[in-house]
Amino acid sequence: MIRTLLAFFTLAFAVGCSTEAPPPPEPTLAEKDTAALQGSWKISSIDETAFRLTMFEFDRASKMTLAFSGNQFAMAIGDRQAETGTYTIDTAKTPKEIVLASSNKQPAQKFIYKFENGALVLCGAEPGKSLLTQFKSDRETRALALTFNKTSAPAATAQ
């Protein structure tokens, strides 16, 4: 009987004093999306079904790249940096939203976004117009659906 109790307490103590750390919590959807955004993205398609861009607008848009690092973004047209600032995402909304706040005091630009087959799809209207609910071009709001493919992963951080 004493041996059984001694064995039970030894086992209970060993299990209770385990040095194994509990598993880390699962990342939230916002954390997953923020991680997925990190890196550089190049435009791969422009949905012009609702209206046509001018040749100048199309040329500029077709050279667009976006880069995300932490909560910062940078947009370039070709090799000319066009915009920098911070971004926030809201994964609780359907569809999910991303807000790009420019560092040059322009009005913040809201987009709906999704990840589809490894690509980033953004759709936004001109500033001051209502936010869209579908990923398609819209003549009234001059909204464009833009698809970006990732061109580089985020830079490694020092440990």
N, C-alpha and C. Protein backbone atom coordinates (compact mmCIF):
# COMPACT_ATOMS: atom_id res chain seq x y z
N MET A 1 0.82 -1.19 0.00
CA MET A 1 0.00 0.00 0.00
C MET A 1 0.87 1.26 0.00
N ILE A 2 1.90 1.27 0.85
CA ILE A 2 2.78 2.43 0.90
C ILE A 2 3.52 2.58 -0.41
N ARG A 3 3.95 1.45 -0.98
CA ARG A 3 4.64 1.52 -2.27
C ARG A 3 3.71 2.09 -3.35
N THR A 4 2.45 1.69 -3.35
CA THR A 4 1.49 2.19 -4.33
C THR A 4 1.30 3.69 -4.16
N LEU A 5 1.13 4.16 -2.92
CA LEU A 5 0.98 5.59 -2.67
C LEU A 5 2.23 6.36 -3.08
N LEU A 6 3.41 5.82 -2.74
CA LEU A 6 4.66 6.45 -3.08
C LEU A 6 4.80 6.55 -4.60
N ALA A 7 4.48 5.48 -5.32
CA ALA A 7 4.53 5.49 -6.78
C ALA A 7 3.55 6.50 -7.35
N PHE A 8 2.34 6.58 -6.80
CA PHE A 8 1.32 7.52 -7.25
C PHE A 8 1.81 8.96 -7.06
N PHE A 9 2.34 9.30 -5.88
CA PHE A 9 2.81 10.66 -5.62
C PHE A 9 4.02 11.01 -6.48
N THR A 10 4.90 10.05 -6.70
CA THR A 10 6.06 10.29 -7.56
C THR A 10 5.60 10.60 -8.98
N LEU A 11 4.65 9.84 -9.48
CA LEU A 11 4.12 10.06 -10.82
C LEU A 11 3.38 11.39 -10.90
N ALA A 12 2.54 11.68 -9.91
CA ALA A 12 1.79 12.94 -9.89
C ALA A 12 2.74 14.12 -9.84
N PHE A 13 3.81 14.04 -9.04
CA PHE A 13 4.78 15.11 -8.93
C PHE A 13 5.51 15.30 -10.26
N ALA A 14 5.90 14.22 -10.90
CA ALA A 14 6.62 14.29 -12.17
C ALA A 14 5.77 14.92 -13.26
N VAL A 15 4.50 14.53 -13.31
CA VAL A 15 3.60 15.10 -14.31
C VAL A 15 3.31 16.56 -14.00
N GLY A 16 3.08 16.89 -12.75
CA GLY A 16 2.76 18.26 -12.35
C GLY A 16 3.93 19.20 -12.49
N CYS A 17 5.13 18.72 -12.43
CA CYS A 17 6.32 19.56 -12.51
C CYS A 17 6.99 19.48 -13.88
N SER A 18 6.28 19.07 -14.88
CA SER A 18 6.85 18.95 -16.21
C SER A 18 7.38 20.30 -16.66
N THR A 19 8.52 20.30 -17.28
CA THR A 19 9.12 21.54 -17.78
C THR A 19 8.68 21.84 -19.20
N GLU A 20 7.86 21.02 -19.76
CA GLU A 20 7.38 21.23 -21.13
C GLU A 20 6.44 22.42 -21.16
N ALA A 21 6.74 23.37 -22.01
CA ALA A 21 5.90 24.56 -22.13
C ALA A 21 4.62 24.22 -22.88
N PRO A 22 3.54 24.90 -22.54
CA PRO A 22 2.30 24.66 -23.28
C PRO A 22 2.47 25.15 -24.72
N PRO A 23 1.72 24.58 -25.64
CA PRO A 23 1.86 25.02 -27.04
C PRO A 23 1.45 26.48 -27.18
N PRO A 24 2.07 27.20 -28.12
CA PRO A 24 1.69 28.60 -28.31
C PRO A 24 0.26 28.68 -28.83
N PRO A 25 -0.41 29.78 -28.52
CA PRO A 25 -1.79 29.92 -29.02
C PRO A 25 -1.81 30.03 -30.54
N GLU A 26 -2.89 29.60 -31.14
CA GLU A 26 -3.06 29.70 -32.58
C GLU A 26 -3.12 31.19 -32.97
N PRO A 27 -2.46 31.57 -34.07
CA PRO A 27 -2.54 32.97 -34.49
C PRO A 27 -3.97 33.32 -34.91
N THR A 28 -4.34 34.58 -34.70
CA THR A 28 -5.66 35.05 -35.12
C THR A 28 -5.67 35.24 -36.63
N LEU A 29 -6.85 35.41 -37.20
CA LEU A 29 -6.97 35.65 -38.64
C LEU A 29 -6.22 36.93 -39.01
N ALA A 30 -6.31 37.97 -38.17
CA ALA A 30 -5.60 39.22 -38.45
C ALA A 30 -4.09 38.99 -38.46
N GLU A 31 -3.58 38.19 -37.54
CA GLU A 31 -2.15 37.88 -37.51
C GLU A 31 -1.74 37.08 -38.74
N LYS A 32 -2.58 36.13 -39.14
CA LYS A 32 -2.28 35.33 -40.34
C LYS A 32 -2.26 36.22 -41.60
N ASP A 33 -3.26 37.09 -41.72
CA ASP A 33 -3.32 37.96 -42.89
C ASP A 33 -2.17 38.96 -42.91
N THR A 34 -1.82 39.52 -41.73
CA THR A 34 -0.70 40.44 -41.66
C THR A 34 0.58 39.74 -42.09
N ALA A 35 0.78 38.52 -41.64
CA ALA A 35 1.97 37.75 -42.03
C ALA A 35 1.96 37.47 -43.54
N ALA A 36 0.79 37.15 -44.09
CA ALA A 36 0.68 36.85 -45.52
C ALA A 36 0.97 38.09 -46.37
N LEU A 37 0.64 39.28 -45.88
CA LEU A 37 0.88 40.51 -46.64
C LEU A 37 2.36 40.86 -46.75
N GLN A 38 3.14 40.48 -45.77
CA GLN A 38 4.55 40.90 -45.70
C GLN A 38 5.31 40.50 -46.97
N GLY A 39 6.07 41.44 -47.51
CA GLY A 39 6.85 41.21 -48.72
C GLY A 39 6.42 42.16 -49.83
N SER A 40 6.86 41.87 -51.03
CA SER A 40 6.58 42.71 -52.19
C SER A 40 5.59 42.01 -53.12
N TRP A 41 4.72 42.83 -53.71
CA TRP A 41 3.67 42.33 -54.59
C TRP A 41 3.68 43.15 -55.88
N LYS A 42 3.55 42.49 -57.03
CA LYS A 42 3.47 43.16 -58.33
C LYS A 42 2.11 42.89 -58.94
N ILE A 43 1.56 43.92 -59.53
CA ILE A 43 0.24 43.78 -60.14
C ILE A 43 0.31 42.76 -61.27
N SER A 44 -0.69 41.89 -61.31
CA SER A 44 -0.73 40.87 -62.37
C SER A 44 -1.98 41.00 -63.24
N SER A 45 -3.03 41.61 -62.72
CA SER A 45 -4.21 41.84 -63.56
C SER A 45 -5.04 43.00 -63.04
N ILE A 46 -5.73 43.62 -63.98
CA ILE A 46 -6.62 44.75 -63.68
C ILE A 46 -7.97 44.42 -64.31
N ASP A 47 -9.02 44.40 -63.51
CA ASP A 47 -10.36 44.13 -64.02
C ASP A 47 -10.95 45.43 -64.56
N GLU A 48 -11.07 45.52 -65.87
CA GLU A 48 -11.62 46.71 -66.51
C GLU A 48 -13.01 46.44 -67.11
N THR A 49 -13.72 45.47 -66.58
CA THR A 49 -14.99 45.11 -67.20
C THR A 49 -16.05 46.20 -67.10
N ALA A 50 -16.03 47.02 -66.05
CA ALA A 50 -17.06 48.04 -65.88
C ALA A 50 -16.74 49.32 -66.63
N PHE A 51 -15.47 49.61 -66.81
CA PHE A 51 -15.06 50.81 -67.55
C PHE A 51 -13.61 50.63 -67.99
N ARG A 52 -13.22 51.42 -68.96
CA ARG A 52 -11.86 51.33 -69.49
C ARG A 52 -11.01 52.45 -68.90
N LEU A 53 -9.78 52.10 -68.57
CA LEU A 53 -8.81 53.10 -68.16
C LEU A 53 -8.25 53.77 -69.41
N THR A 54 -7.78 55.00 -69.25
CA THR A 54 -7.06 55.61 -70.36
C THR A 54 -5.74 54.87 -70.52
N MET A 55 -5.07 55.05 -71.65
CA MET A 55 -3.78 54.38 -71.84
C MET A 55 -2.79 54.80 -70.77
N PHE A 56 -2.81 56.07 -70.41
CA PHE A 56 -1.90 56.56 -69.36
C PHE A 56 -2.21 55.89 -68.02
N GLU A 57 -3.50 55.83 -67.64
CA GLU A 57 -3.88 55.19 -66.38
C GLU A 57 -3.50 53.71 -66.38
N PHE A 58 -3.77 53.03 -67.49
CA PHE A 58 -3.46 51.61 -67.58
C PHE A 58 -1.95 51.38 -67.48
N ASP A 59 -1.18 52.20 -68.18
CA ASP A 59 0.28 52.07 -68.15
C ASP A 59 0.80 52.24 -66.72
N ARG A 60 0.30 53.26 -66.03
CA ARG A 60 0.73 53.48 -64.63
C ARG A 60 0.31 52.31 -63.76
N ALA A 61 -0.95 51.89 -63.86
CA ALA A 61 -1.46 50.82 -63.00
C ALA A 61 -0.74 49.51 -63.26
N SER A 62 -0.40 49.23 -64.52
CA SER A 62 0.24 47.96 -64.85
C SER A 62 1.68 47.87 -64.33
N LYS A 63 2.25 48.99 -63.90
CA LYS A 63 3.61 49.01 -63.36
C LYS A 63 3.61 49.11 -61.82
N MET A 64 2.44 48.99 -61.20
CA MET A 64 2.33 49.19 -59.76
C MET A 64 2.87 48.01 -58.97
N THR A 65 3.60 48.33 -57.90
CA THR A 65 4.02 47.32 -56.92
C THR A 65 3.66 47.82 -55.54
N LEU A 66 3.40 46.90 -54.64
CA LEU A 66 3.14 47.20 -53.24
C LEU A 66 4.12 46.40 -52.40
N ALA A 67 4.58 47.00 -51.32
CA ALA A 67 5.45 46.29 -50.37
C ALA A 67 4.91 46.54 -48.97
N PHE A 68 4.87 45.48 -48.18
CA PHE A 68 4.40 45.56 -46.80
C PHE A 68 5.51 45.08 -45.88
N SER A 69 5.76 45.85 -44.83
CA SER A 69 6.75 45.47 -43.82
C SER A 69 6.23 45.96 -42.47
N GLY A 70 5.96 45.01 -41.58
CA GLY A 70 5.34 45.38 -40.30
C GLY A 70 3.98 46.00 -40.59
N ASN A 71 3.75 47.22 -40.09
CA ASN A 71 2.49 47.91 -40.38
C ASN A 71 2.69 49.03 -41.40
N GLN A 72 3.80 48.99 -42.13
CA GLN A 72 4.13 50.00 -43.13
C GLN A 72 3.86 49.46 -44.53
N PHE A 73 3.53 50.37 -45.44
CA PHE A 73 3.40 49.98 -46.85
C PHE A 73 4.14 50.99 -47.71
N ALA A 74 4.53 50.56 -48.88
CA ALA A 74 5.12 51.44 -49.89
C ALA A 74 4.55 51.02 -51.23
N MET A 75 4.13 52.00 -52.01
CA MET A 75 3.62 51.74 -53.34
C MET A 75 4.55 52.42 -54.33
N ALA A 76 4.85 51.73 -55.41
CA ALA A 76 5.70 52.30 -56.46
C ALA A 76 5.03 52.10 -57.81
N ILE A 77 5.32 53.03 -58.70
CA ILE A 77 4.90 52.92 -60.09
C ILE A 77 6.20 52.80 -60.89
N GLY A 78 6.46 51.61 -61.40
CA GLY A 78 7.75 51.36 -62.03
C GLY A 78 8.83 51.44 -60.97
N ASP A 79 9.87 52.24 -61.22
CA ASP A 79 10.92 52.38 -60.22
C ASP A 79 10.80 53.70 -59.44
N ARG A 80 9.67 54.35 -59.53
CA ARG A 80 9.42 55.60 -58.81
C ARG A 80 8.48 55.34 -57.64
N GLN A 81 8.94 55.64 -56.42
CA GLN A 81 8.09 55.45 -55.25
C GLN A 81 6.98 56.48 -55.28
N ALA A 82 5.74 56.03 -55.18
CA ALA A 82 4.59 56.92 -55.30
C ALA A 82 3.95 57.24 -53.95
N GLU A 83 4.01 56.31 -53.02
CA GLU A 83 3.27 56.49 -51.77
C GLU A 83 3.89 55.63 -50.68
N THR A 84 3.92 56.15 -49.47
CA THR A 84 4.31 55.37 -48.30
C THR A 84 3.34 55.71 -47.17
N GLY A 85 3.30 54.85 -46.18
CA GLY A 85 2.43 55.11 -45.04
C GLY A 85 2.24 53.86 -44.21
N THR A 86 1.15 53.85 -43.46
CA THR A 86 0.83 52.71 -42.62
C THR A 86 -0.47 52.08 -43.10
N TYR A 87 -0.67 50.84 -42.69
CA TYR A 87 -1.91 50.18 -43.06
C TYR A 87 -2.49 49.48 -41.84
N THR A 88 -3.81 49.30 -41.88
CA THR A 88 -4.51 48.50 -40.88
C THR A 88 -5.45 47.57 -41.62
N ILE A 89 -5.72 46.42 -41.02
CA ILE A 89 -6.68 45.49 -41.61
C ILE A 89 -7.79 45.23 -40.62
N ASP A 90 -8.94 44.90 -41.14
CA ASP A 90 -10.09 44.53 -40.31
C ASP A 90 -10.64 43.22 -40.86
N THR A 91 -10.30 42.14 -40.19
CA THR A 91 -10.73 40.81 -40.64
C THR A 91 -12.11 40.45 -40.11
N ALA A 92 -12.67 41.29 -39.24
CA ALA A 92 -14.01 41.01 -38.71
C ALA A 92 -15.10 41.39 -39.71
N LYS A 93 -14.77 42.24 -40.66
CA LYS A 93 -15.75 42.67 -41.67
C LYS A 93 -15.79 41.66 -42.81
N THR A 94 -16.92 41.61 -43.49
CA THR A 94 -17.09 40.75 -44.65
C THR A 94 -17.54 41.62 -45.82
N PRO A 95 -16.74 41.73 -46.87
CA PRO A 95 -15.39 41.21 -47.01
C PRO A 95 -14.40 41.97 -46.12
N LYS A 96 -13.22 41.39 -45.95
CA LYS A 96 -12.20 41.99 -45.10
C LYS A 96 -11.75 43.33 -45.70
N GLU A 97 -11.33 44.26 -44.82
CA GLU A 97 -10.92 45.59 -45.26
C GLU A 97 -9.46 45.86 -44.93
N ILE A 98 -8.83 46.64 -45.79
CA ILE A 98 -7.50 47.17 -45.52
C ILE A 98 -7.57 48.68 -45.78
N VAL A 99 -6.96 49.45 -44.87
CA VAL A 99 -6.93 50.90 -45.01
C VAL A 99 -5.48 51.31 -45.14
N LEU A 100 -5.16 52.01 -46.23
CA LEU A 100 -3.83 52.54 -46.46
C LEU A 100 -3.84 54.02 -46.11
N ALA A 101 -3.10 54.39 -45.07
CA ALA A 101 -3.03 55.78 -44.62
C ALA A 101 -1.70 56.36 -45.10
N SER A 102 -1.77 57.27 -46.03
CA SER A 102 -0.59 57.86 -46.64
C SER A 102 0.14 58.75 -45.65
N SER A 103 1.46 58.77 -45.77
CA SER A 103 2.26 59.65 -44.92
C SER A 103 2.29 61.07 -45.46
N ASN A 104 1.73 61.32 -46.65
CA ASN A 104 1.74 62.67 -47.22
C ASN A 104 0.41 63.39 -47.03
N LYS A 105 -0.36 62.98 -46.04
CA LYS A 105 -1.60 63.66 -45.63
C LYS A 105 -2.74 63.56 -46.63
N GLN A 106 -2.63 62.65 -47.59
CA GLN A 106 -3.76 62.38 -48.48
C GLN A 106 -4.82 61.63 -47.67
N PRO A 107 -6.08 61.67 -48.10
CA PRO A 107 -7.09 60.89 -47.38
C PRO A 107 -6.75 59.40 -47.42
N ALA A 108 -7.04 58.71 -46.32
CA ALA A 108 -6.80 57.27 -46.27
C ALA A 108 -7.63 56.59 -47.34
N GLN A 109 -7.07 55.56 -47.93
CA GLN A 109 -7.75 54.82 -48.99
C GLN A 109 -8.19 53.46 -48.43
N LYS A 110 -9.49 53.18 -48.55
CA LYS A 110 -10.03 51.90 -48.09
C LYS A 110 -10.21 50.95 -49.26
N PHE A 111 -9.87 49.69 -49.00
CA PHE A 111 -10.04 48.63 -49.98
C PHE A 111 -10.67 47.42 -49.29
N ILE A 112 -11.37 46.61 -50.06
CA ILE A 112 -11.68 45.27 -49.59
C ILE A 112 -10.57 44.39 -50.13
N TYR A 113 -10.27 43.30 -49.43
CA TYR A 113 -9.18 42.45 -49.89
C TYR A 113 -9.48 40.99 -49.60
N LYS A 114 -8.78 40.15 -50.34
CA LYS A 114 -8.82 38.71 -50.10
C LYS A 114 -7.55 38.10 -50.68
N PHE A 115 -7.23 36.92 -50.19
CA PHE A 115 -6.14 36.14 -50.77
C PHE A 115 -6.81 35.03 -51.57
N GLU A 116 -6.37 34.87 -52.81
CA GLU A 116 -6.97 33.87 -53.70
C GLU A 116 -5.87 33.18 -54.49
N ASN A 117 -5.69 31.89 -54.25
CA ASN A 117 -4.66 31.11 -54.95
C ASN A 117 -3.28 31.75 -54.83
N GLY A 118 -2.95 32.25 -53.65
CA GLY A 118 -1.65 32.85 -53.41
C GLY A 118 -1.53 34.30 -53.85
N ALA A 119 -2.56 34.83 -54.48
CA ALA A 119 -2.54 36.22 -54.95
C ALA A 119 -3.32 37.11 -53.97
N LEU A 120 -2.99 38.38 -53.98
CA LEU A 120 -3.70 39.39 -53.19
C LEU A 120 -4.63 40.15 -54.13
N VAL A 121 -5.91 40.17 -53.80
CA VAL A 121 -6.89 40.89 -54.62
C VAL A 121 -7.38 42.08 -53.80
N LEU A 122 -7.23 43.27 -54.37
CA LEU A 122 -7.70 44.51 -53.76
C LEU A 122 -8.76 45.13 -54.64
N CYS A 123 -9.76 45.71 -54.02
CA CYS A 123 -10.78 46.41 -54.79
C CYS A 123 -11.19 47.63 -53.98
N GLY A 124 -11.03 48.80 -54.58
CA GLY A 124 -11.37 50.03 -53.86
C GLY A 124 -11.93 51.06 -54.80
N ALA A 125 -12.73 51.94 -54.25
CA ALA A 125 -13.33 53.02 -55.01
C ALA A 125 -12.52 54.29 -54.80
N GLU A 126 -12.86 55.32 -55.55
CA GLU A 126 -12.21 56.61 -55.36
C GLU A 126 -12.51 57.11 -53.95
N PRO A 127 -11.59 57.88 -53.36
CA PRO A 127 -11.85 58.42 -52.02
C PRO A 127 -13.18 59.16 -51.98
N GLY A 128 -13.91 58.99 -50.89
CA GLY A 128 -15.20 59.63 -50.72
C GLY A 128 -16.37 58.79 -51.20
N LYS A 129 -16.11 57.77 -51.98
CA LYS A 129 -17.16 56.87 -52.46
C LYS A 129 -17.35 55.75 -51.44
N SER A 130 -18.52 55.13 -51.45
CA SER A 130 -18.78 54.05 -50.50
C SER A 130 -17.92 52.83 -50.79
N LEU A 131 -17.58 52.13 -49.72
CA LEU A 131 -16.74 50.94 -49.85
C LEU A 131 -17.53 49.84 -50.55
N LEU A 132 -16.84 49.11 -51.38
CA LEU A 132 -17.46 48.06 -52.18
C LEU A 132 -17.71 46.82 -51.34
N THR A 133 -18.55 45.96 -51.86
CA THR A 133 -18.85 44.69 -51.20
C THR A 133 -18.51 43.50 -52.09
N GLN A 134 -18.14 43.77 -53.34
CA GLN A 134 -17.80 42.70 -54.27
C GLN A 134 -16.47 43.01 -54.95
N PHE A 135 -15.78 41.96 -55.35
CA PHE A 135 -14.47 42.12 -55.99
C PHE A 135 -14.64 42.22 -57.50
N LYS A 136 -15.16 43.36 -57.94
CA LYS A 136 -15.31 43.59 -59.36
C LYS A 136 -15.30 45.09 -59.62
N SER A 137 -14.97 45.44 -60.85
CA SER A 137 -14.96 46.85 -61.22
C SER A 137 -16.36 47.41 -61.18
N ASP A 138 -16.45 48.72 -60.95
CA ASP A 138 -17.75 49.38 -60.84
C ASP A 138 -17.64 50.75 -61.49
N ARG A 139 -18.51 51.01 -62.48
CA ARG A 139 -18.47 52.27 -63.22
C ARG A 139 -18.79 53.47 -62.34
N GLU A 140 -19.82 53.38 -61.51
CA GLU A 140 -20.26 54.53 -60.71
C GLU A 140 -19.18 55.00 -59.74
N THR A 141 -18.51 54.08 -59.07
CA THR A 141 -17.50 54.47 -58.08
C THR A 141 -16.10 54.50 -58.67
N ARG A 142 -15.97 54.14 -59.95
CA ARG A 142 -14.67 54.00 -60.62
C ARG A 142 -13.77 53.05 -59.84
N ALA A 143 -14.37 52.00 -59.36
CA ALA A 143 -13.62 50.99 -58.62
C ALA A 143 -12.93 50.04 -59.58
N LEU A 144 -11.75 49.62 -59.17
CA LEU A 144 -11.00 48.64 -59.93
C LEU A 144 -10.67 47.46 -59.03
N ALA A 145 -10.76 46.27 -59.57
CA ALA A 145 -10.27 45.08 -58.87
C ALA A 145 -8.87 44.82 -59.39
N LEU A 146 -7.91 44.82 -58.48
CA LEU A 146 -6.51 44.65 -58.83
C LEU A 146 -6.00 43.36 -58.20
N THR A 147 -5.29 42.56 -58.97
CA THR A 147 -4.71 41.32 -58.46
C THR A 147 -3.19 41.46 -58.47
N PHE A 148 -2.58 41.10 -57.35
CA PHE A 148 -1.13 41.18 -57.18
C PHE A 148 -0.57 39.80 -56.88
N ASN A 149 0.58 39.50 -57.45
CA ASN A 149 1.31 38.28 -57.13
C ASN A 149 2.54 38.66 -56.30
N LYS A 150 2.86 37.81 -55.35
CA LYS A 150 4.01 38.08 -54.48
C LYS A 150 5.30 37.88 -55.27
N THR A 151 6.19 38.86 -55.16
CA THR A 151 7.46 38.78 -55.86
C THR A 151 8.63 38.51 -54.93
N SER A 152 8.44 38.82 -53.64
CA SER A 152 9.50 38.53 -52.66
C SER A 152 8.89 38.36 -51.28
N ALA A 153 9.55 37.52 -50.51
CA ALA A 153 9.14 37.30 -49.13
C ALA A 153 9.66 38.45 -48.29
N PRO A 154 9.14 38.60 -47.06
CA PRO A 154 9.64 39.66 -46.19
C PRO A 154 11.10 39.42 -45.84
N ALA A 155 11.80 40.52 -45.57
CA ALA A 155 13.20 40.39 -45.16
C ALA A 155 13.28 39.70 -43.81
N ALA A 156 14.28 38.88 -43.63
CA ALA A 156 14.46 38.18 -42.35
C ALA A 156 14.82 39.18 -41.28
N THR A 157 14.31 38.96 -40.08
CA THR A 157 14.62 39.83 -38.96
C THR A 157 15.69 39.19 -38.10
N ALA A 158 16.52 40.01 -37.50
CA ALA A 158 17.59 39.50 -36.64
C ALA A 158 16.99 38.92 -35.37
N GLN A 159 17.53 37.82 -34.93
CA GLN A 159 17.03 37.18 -33.71
C GLN A 159 17.81 37.68 -32.51
